[in-house]
Protein backbone atom coordinates (compact mmCIF):
# COMPACT_ATOMS: atom_id res chain seq x y z
CA MET A 1 20.95 -28.36 -7.83
CA ALA A 2 18.83 -31.36 -8.77
CA PRO A 3 19.51 -32.79 -12.24
CA VAL A 4 16.90 -32.25 -14.92
CA SER A 5 15.17 -35.51 -15.67
CA ASP A 6 14.84 -36.86 -19.22
CA SER A 7 11.07 -36.48 -18.98
CA ALA A 8 11.39 -32.81 -17.99
CA SER A 9 13.88 -32.21 -20.80
CA GLY A 10 11.58 -33.93 -23.27
CA ALA A 11 8.63 -31.85 -22.08
CA THR A 12 10.67 -28.65 -22.60
CA ILE A 13 11.65 -29.68 -26.12
CA GLY A 14 8.06 -30.68 -26.87
CA SER A 15 6.78 -27.32 -25.62
CA ARG A 16 9.33 -25.51 -27.77
CA GLU A 17 8.30 -27.57 -30.81
CA SER A 18 4.64 -26.81 -30.13
CA ARG A 19 5.28 -23.05 -29.95
CA ARG A 20 7.34 -23.17 -33.15
CA ASN A 21 4.67 -25.09 -35.06
CA LYS A 22 1.98 -22.73 -33.77
CA PHE A 23 3.90 -19.76 -35.16
CA LEU A 24 4.65 -21.51 -38.47
CA SER A 25 0.99 -22.44 -38.98
CA SER A 26 -0.32 -18.98 -38.06
CA THR A 27 -1.29 -16.55 -40.83
CA GLY A 28 1.36 -14.05 -39.73
CA GLY A 29 4.14 -16.63 -39.54
CA LEU A 30 3.23 -18.17 -42.88
CA LEU A 31 3.00 -14.78 -44.60
CA ALA A 32 6.28 -13.50 -43.16
CA LEU A 33 8.44 -16.56 -43.85
CA ALA A 34 6.93 -17.46 -47.22
CA THR A 35 7.25 -13.89 -48.52
CA ALA A 36 10.84 -13.67 -47.25
CA SER A 37 11.65 -16.97 -48.98
CA CYS A 38 10.13 -15.86 -52.29
CA LEU A 39 11.88 -12.49 -52.11
CA LEU A 40 15.22 -14.25 -51.63
CA TRP A 41 14.51 -16.71 -54.45
CA GLY A 42 13.39 -13.82 -56.67
CA SER A 43 16.74 -12.12 -56.15
CA ALA A 44 18.45 -15.30 -57.40
CA PHE A 45 17.25 -14.57 -60.97
CA PRO A 46 19.31 -11.37 -61.46
CA CYS A 47 22.12 -12.65 -59.21
CA THR A 48 22.58 -15.69 -61.44
CA LYS A 49 22.97 -13.43 -64.47
CA ILE A 50 25.42 -11.20 -62.62
CA GLY A 51 27.29 -14.26 -61.37
CA ASN A 52 27.69 -15.64 -64.89
CA VAL A 53 29.41 -12.41 -65.88
CA LEU A 54 31.64 -12.19 -62.78
CA PHE A 55 32.74 -15.84 -63.12
CA GLY A 56 33.18 -15.73 -66.90
CA ILE A 57 30.47 -18.32 -67.59
CA ALA A 58 29.17 -18.33 -71.16
CA PRO A 59 25.39 -18.62 -71.64
CA THR A 60 25.84 -21.99 -73.39
CA SER A 61 28.44 -23.43 -70.96
CA THR A 62 26.20 -25.88 -69.13
CA SER A 63 29.13 -27.60 -67.38
CA SER A 64 30.30 -24.33 -65.82
CA GLN A 65 26.75 -23.44 -64.85
CA LEU A 66 26.36 -26.79 -63.08
CA LEU A 67 29.71 -26.26 -61.33
CA PHE A 68 28.58 -22.79 -60.23
CA ALA A 69 25.30 -24.26 -58.93
CA GLY A 70 27.11 -27.11 -57.17
CA VAL A 71 29.49 -24.80 -55.31
CA ARG A 72 26.60 -22.49 -54.44
CA PHE A 73 24.49 -25.27 -52.94
CA PHE A 74 27.41 -26.86 -51.10
CA ILE A 75 28.06 -23.46 -49.46
CA ALA A 76 24.34 -23.21 -48.67
CA GLY A 77 24.35 -26.61 -46.97
CA CYS A 78 27.43 -25.73 -44.93
CA MET A 79 25.78 -22.48 -43.84
CA VAL A 80 22.70 -24.32 -42.57
CA VAL A 81 24.69 -27.03 -40.79
CA VAL A 82 27.12 -24.61 -39.12
CA ALA A 83 24.50 -22.02 -38.16
CA MET A 84 22.08 -24.55 -36.68
CA SER A 85 24.90 -26.38 -34.87
CA ILE A 86 25.82 -23.10 -33.17
CA MET A 87 22.19 -22.23 -32.37
CA ARG A 88 21.42 -25.67 -30.93
CA GLY A 89 24.73 -26.02 -29.11
CA ARG A 90 25.48 -29.40 -30.71
CA PRO A 91 26.58 -30.65 -34.14
CA LEU A 92 23.75 -30.96 -36.65
CA LEU A 93 24.74 -34.43 -37.81
CA PRO A 94 22.47 -36.98 -39.53
CA LYS A 95 21.68 -40.31 -37.95
CA ALA A 96 21.90 -43.51 -39.97
CA THR A 97 18.12 -43.40 -40.41
CA ASP A 98 18.29 -39.88 -41.94
CA TRP A 99 20.53 -40.66 -44.91
CA LYS A 100 17.89 -42.32 -47.10
CA ALA A 101 15.62 -39.26 -46.80
CA ILE A 102 18.58 -36.90 -47.39
CA ALA A 103 19.63 -38.79 -50.53
CA CYS A 104 16.08 -38.90 -51.92
CA LEU A 105 15.45 -35.23 -51.19
CA SER A 106 18.80 -34.07 -52.63
CA LEU A 107 18.09 -36.06 -55.81
CA PHE A 108 14.86 -34.16 -56.52
CA GLN A 109 15.49 -30.79 -54.84
CA THR A 110 19.05 -30.13 -56.01
CA VAL A 111 20.48 -32.64 -58.50
CA LEU A 112 17.51 -33.19 -60.83
CA GLN A 113 15.93 -29.75 -60.43
CA TYR A 114 19.06 -27.78 -61.26
CA GLY A 115 20.70 -30.46 -63.40
CA LEU A 116 17.71 -30.14 -65.74
CA PHE A 117 17.01 -26.43 -65.23
CA TYR A 118 20.35 -24.98 -66.31
CA PRO A 119 20.68 -26.90 -69.61
CA GLY A 120 17.03 -26.19 -70.37
CA LEU A 121 17.28 -22.50 -69.51
CA SER A 122 20.23 -22.02 -71.89
CA ARG A 123 17.97 -23.17 -74.76
CA ALA A 124 14.68 -21.64 -73.60
CA SER A 125 13.25 -18.14 -73.53
CA GLY A 126 13.25 -16.34 -70.20
CA VAL A 127 9.54 -15.59 -70.44
CA ALA A 128 8.58 -19.20 -71.08
CA SER A 129 10.89 -20.42 -68.30
CA SER A 130 9.34 -18.06 -65.75
CA ILE A 131 5.84 -19.17 -66.64
CA ILE A 132 6.76 -22.86 -66.62
CA GLU A 133 8.47 -22.46 -63.24
CA ALA A 134 5.35 -20.82 -61.85
CA SER A 135 3.39 -23.93 -62.79
CA ALA A 136 5.23 -25.68 -59.93
CA SER A 137 2.57 -24.37 -57.54
CA PHE A 138 -0.11 -26.19 -59.54
CA ILE A 139 1.95 -29.36 -59.74
CA VAL A 140 2.76 -29.35 -56.01
CA ILE A 141 -0.91 -29.12 -55.05
CA LEU A 142 -1.90 -31.81 -57.57
CA LEU A 143 0.86 -34.19 -56.41
CA SER A 144 0.05 -33.53 -52.77
CA ALA A 145 -3.63 -34.34 -53.29
CA LEU A 146 -3.55 -37.07 -55.93
CA ALA A 147 -0.21 -38.88 -55.47
CA PHE A 148 0.77 -38.36 -51.82
CA ARG A 149 -2.78 -38.08 -50.42
CA GLN A 150 -1.59 -35.33 -48.05
CA GLU A 151 -4.71 -33.19 -48.49
CA ARG A 152 -7.90 -32.85 -50.53
CA LEU A 153 -8.17 -30.97 -53.80
CA ASP A 154 -11.12 -28.59 -53.97
CA ALA A 155 -12.46 -25.79 -56.17
CA ARG A 156 -11.11 -23.09 -53.83
CA LYS A 157 -7.51 -24.28 -54.22
CA VAL A 158 -7.84 -24.60 -57.99
CA ALA A 159 -9.39 -21.13 -58.25
CA GLY A 160 -6.60 -19.59 -56.15
CA CYS A 161 -3.96 -21.20 -58.36
CA VAL A 162 -5.66 -19.96 -61.53
CA VAL A 163 -5.80 -16.37 -60.21
CA GLY A 164 -2.18 -16.48 -59.03
CA PHE A 165 -0.99 -17.98 -62.31
CA ALA A 166 -2.80 -15.19 -64.18
CA GLY A 167 -0.58 -12.72 -62.33
CA VAL A 168 2.55 -14.57 -63.48
CA LEU A 169 1.30 -14.58 -67.08
CA LEU A 170 0.54 -10.87 -66.91
CA VAL A 171 4.00 -9.84 -65.70
CA ASN A 172 5.83 -12.08 -68.19
CA LEU A 173 3.87 -11.77 -71.41
CA ARG A 174 4.66 -8.75 -73.54
CA SER A 175 2.32 -7.33 -76.16
CA GLY A 176 2.78 -9.24 -79.39
CA GLY A 177 5.01 -11.78 -77.66
CA ALA A 178 4.71 -15.45 -78.46
CA LEU A 179 5.76 -18.50 -76.49
CA ARG A 180 7.67 -21.36 -78.07
CA PHE A 181 8.32 -24.85 -76.75
CA SER A 182 11.18 -27.26 -77.45
CA LEU A 183 11.93 -30.52 -75.64
CA ALA A 184 15.61 -29.62 -75.19
CA GLY A 185 14.75 -26.19 -73.79
CA GLU A 186 11.37 -25.58 -72.23
CA GLY A 187 10.86 -29.35 -71.92
CA LEU A 188 13.83 -29.68 -69.55
CA VAL A 189 12.68 -26.63 -67.58
CA PHE A 190 9.27 -28.28 -67.16
CA LEU A 191 10.88 -31.53 -65.95
CA SER A 192 12.93 -29.52 -63.44
CA THR A 193 9.66 -28.00 -62.22
CA ILE A 194 8.23 -31.48 -61.61
CA ALA A 195 11.37 -32.37 -59.63
CA ALA A 196 10.94 -29.21 -57.52
CA ALA A 197 7.28 -30.04 -56.89
CA MET A 198 8.22 -33.57 -55.85
CA SER A 199 10.74 -32.19 -53.35
CA SER A 200 8.05 -30.04 -51.70
CA CYS A 201 5.81 -33.06 -51.19
CA LEU A 202 8.75 -35.18 -50.00
CA ILE A 203 9.85 -32.63 -47.38
CA ARG A 204 6.29 -32.60 -46.04
CA GLU A 205 6.31 -36.39 -45.87
CA PHE A 206 9.84 -36.77 -44.45
CA SER A 207 9.28 -34.06 -41.82
CA LYS A 208 6.91 -36.41 -40.01
CA ARG A 209 9.92 -38.56 -39.05
CA HIS A 210 12.98 -36.35 -39.58
CA ASP A 211 14.17 -32.86 -38.60
CA PRO A 212 13.27 -30.61 -41.61
CA VAL A 213 16.19 -28.23 -40.93
CA LEU A 214 18.67 -31.12 -40.84
CA LEU A 215 17.23 -32.45 -44.10
CA SER A 216 17.45 -28.98 -45.66
CA GLY A 217 21.11 -28.49 -44.82
CA TRP A 218 22.43 -31.94 -45.61
CA GLN A 219 20.50 -32.41 -48.85
CA PHE A 220 22.24 -29.24 -50.10
CA VAL A 221 25.63 -30.60 -49.05
CA VAL A 222 25.03 -33.91 -50.85
CA GLY A 223 23.39 -32.33 -53.91
CA GLY A 224 26.07 -29.65 -54.11
CA ILE A 225 28.84 -32.26 -54.13
CA VAL A 226 27.10 -34.23 -56.90
CA LEU A 227 26.55 -31.16 -59.12
CA THR A 228 30.11 -29.96 -58.51
CA ALA A 229 31.45 -33.39 -59.52
CA ILE A 230 29.32 -33.39 -62.69
CA GLY A 231 30.44 -29.85 -63.55
CA LEU A 232 34.13 -30.67 -63.08
CA ALA A 233 33.87 -33.99 -64.93
CA THR A 234 32.34 -32.28 -67.96
CA GLY A 235 34.96 -29.53 -68.10
CA GLY A 236 33.29 -26.75 -66.13
CA LYS A 237 35.41 -23.83 -64.93
CA LEU A 238 34.89 -20.87 -62.60
CA GLN A 239 37.10 -17.83 -63.23
CA PRO A 240 36.22 -15.05 -60.76
CA SER A 241 37.13 -11.70 -62.28
CA ARG A 242 37.22 -9.76 -58.99
CA PRO A 243 36.52 -10.19 -55.25
CA ALA A 244 32.89 -9.17 -55.78
CA ALA A 245 32.37 -12.54 -57.48
CA LEU A 246 33.13 -14.42 -54.25
CA VAL A 247 30.88 -12.10 -52.24
CA LEU A 248 28.06 -12.76 -54.70
CA LEU A 249 28.65 -16.53 -54.47
CA ALA A 250 28.41 -16.36 -50.68
CA TYR A 251 25.16 -14.38 -50.95
CA MET A 252 23.70 -16.91 -53.38
CA GLY A 253 24.59 -19.65 -50.91
CA PHE A 254 22.75 -17.67 -48.25
CA ILE A 255 19.71 -17.33 -50.53
CA SER A 256 19.37 -21.09 -50.81
CA ALA A 257 20.22 -21.77 -47.16
CA ALA A 258 17.77 -19.26 -45.68
CA ALA A 259 14.93 -19.54 -48.19
CA TYR A 260 14.77 -23.32 -48.43
CA THR A 261 15.15 -23.80 -44.67
CA MET A 262 12.22 -21.44 -44.00
CA TRP A 263 10.19 -23.12 -46.76
CA SER A 264 10.91 -26.58 -45.33
CA MET A 265 9.83 -25.47 -41.86
CA LEU A 266 6.58 -24.09 -43.27
CA LEU A 267 5.88 -27.30 -45.19
CA SER A 268 6.43 -29.34 -42.03
CA ALA A 269 3.72 -27.39 -40.19
CA ASN A 270 1.14 -26.58 -42.90
CA PRO A 271 -0.87 -28.26 -45.66
CA VAL A 272 1.20 -28.17 -48.85
CA SER A 273 -1.32 -26.00 -50.72
CA ARG A 274 -1.12 -23.20 -48.11
CA VAL A 275 2.61 -22.88 -48.73
CA ALA A 276 2.91 -23.81 -52.41
CA VAL A 277 0.64 -21.01 -53.65
CA PHE A 278 3.19 -18.45 -52.43
CA GLY A 279 5.49 -19.79 -55.14
CA PHE A 280 3.68 -17.57 -57.64
CA MET A 281 5.56 -14.67 -56.03
CA ASN A 282 8.94 -16.01 -57.21
CA PRO A 283 8.76 -15.01 -60.91
CA VAL A 284 7.04 -11.71 -60.05
CA PHE A 285 9.79 -10.78 -57.58
CA GLY A 286 12.32 -12.04 -60.13
CA VAL A 287 11.04 -9.73 -62.85
CA VAL A 288 10.84 -6.70 -60.53
CA LEU A 289 14.29 -7.26 -58.99
CA SER A 290 15.82 -7.91 -62.41
CA ALA A 291 14.45 -4.56 -63.53
CA LEU A 292 16.04 -2.84 -60.52
CA LEU A 293 19.38 -4.69 -60.29
CA LEU A 294 20.10 -5.19 -63.99
CA GLY A 295 18.94 -1.78 -65.14
CA GLU A 296 16.01 -3.24 -67.05
CA ALA A 297 13.42 -0.83 -65.67
CA SER A 298 12.19 0.00 -69.17
CA ALA A 299 11.36 -3.68 -69.74
CA ILE A 300 8.55 -3.70 -67.17
CA ASP A 301 5.41 -1.61 -66.91
CA PRO A 302 4.85 -0.51 -63.26
CA LEU A 303 1.09 -0.81 -63.70
CA ARG A 304 1.44 -4.33 -65.09
CA ALA A 305 3.77 -5.33 -62.22
CA THR A 306 1.40 -3.91 -59.61
CA LEU A 307 -1.62 -5.66 -61.10
CA ALA A 308 0.36 -8.92 -61.28
CA LEU A 309 1.21 -8.67 -57.58
CA VAL A 310 -2.45 -7.99 -56.79
CA LEU A 311 -3.51 -11.12 -58.70
CA VAL A 312 -0.82 -13.26 -57.07
CA SER A 313 -1.81 -11.93 -53.64
CA ALA A 314 -5.48 -12.62 -54.38
CA GLY A 315 -4.62 -16.19 -55.34
CA ILE A 316 -2.75 -16.66 -52.07
CA VAL A 317 -5.70 -15.30 -50.07
CA ILE A 318 -8.18 -17.57 -51.88
CA VAL A 319 -6.15 -20.72 -51.23
CA ASN A 320 -5.52 -19.81 -47.60
CA ARG A 321 -9.11 -18.91 -46.74
CA ASP A 322 -10.49 -21.39 -44.25
CA PRO A 323 -14.27 -21.72 -44.64
CA LYS A 324 -14.57 -23.59 -41.32
CA ALA A 325 -12.69 -20.86 -39.46
CA ARG A 326 -14.87 -18.20 -41.09
CA GLU A 327 -18.07 -20.01 -40.07
CA SER A 328 -16.71 -20.39 -36.53
CA ALA A 329 -15.94 -16.67 -36.36
CA ARG A 330 -19.47 -15.83 -37.50
CA SER A 331 -21.02 -18.09 -34.87
CA ASP A 332 -18.83 -16.48 -32.19
CA GLU A 333 -19.99 -13.00 -33.31
CA SER A 334 -23.65 -14.02 -33.24
CA ALA A 335 -23.22 -15.51 -29.78
């Protein structure tokens, strides 16, 4: 049998990459993977609360919360690295040129985002935190357009974000409820949201020169080690009360591994705004799944939840409408 030449091998890899990017940039691929990611992330809200109970973590024990997050993300990174090494038939190991991107991404995506989020969340209201987190979709699109120059900001994108954000407000605000804001609480949550938005723009930028899946896995490994070290150094402890605690920890690692890897792949193949607007689904799924998994069904009005999902979905459709494609379709029909 004749050996396969390097050019033939490169052509095969290039063809595979082309097919993958075509799927990721298609409406069906974007909808399927983005919704799956948001559903997984939404389940992290109730799972974190359940995990705090199973591991004996007090609501005000920031050091233990950071330790819990660090172990979770380290497991997530190992899952990505091992799974992709098996799928590709070779170790998923960074090159020397990858480490700078990995370090930068792990700083914003894992260390800063969750290092700020957990202390802030312990001093902030859940409603305010959900709404502030949802603002990440706005911030991502603004950073992408104004700071990174990755795409143009237009009225359609702004309108879609406003409609989607209205859905988040609707599902979180209760009648007679008031929002408060403190720098040590909601302020830290907002800063964590900026860090998360930065990471979305960075993964889009870095994916031009680096493998987004490799970046996803190894930034979790690095960030997980840093958060674990901080948690241990500040006296954090994990005390699993029963085997179910370890099962839950493994699932939470899977949440991060699967959701962020899919999200990174989508960002590498689409304009940031097309992907970011799906982030409005996170708090809506979080509220609905919390009601189901934590027995808080009485805390949510089914009509309100349904209307919120409709608004979020409408926002996604508005942002993802392509006027050029619509005009092209009309010209094809007239022809």
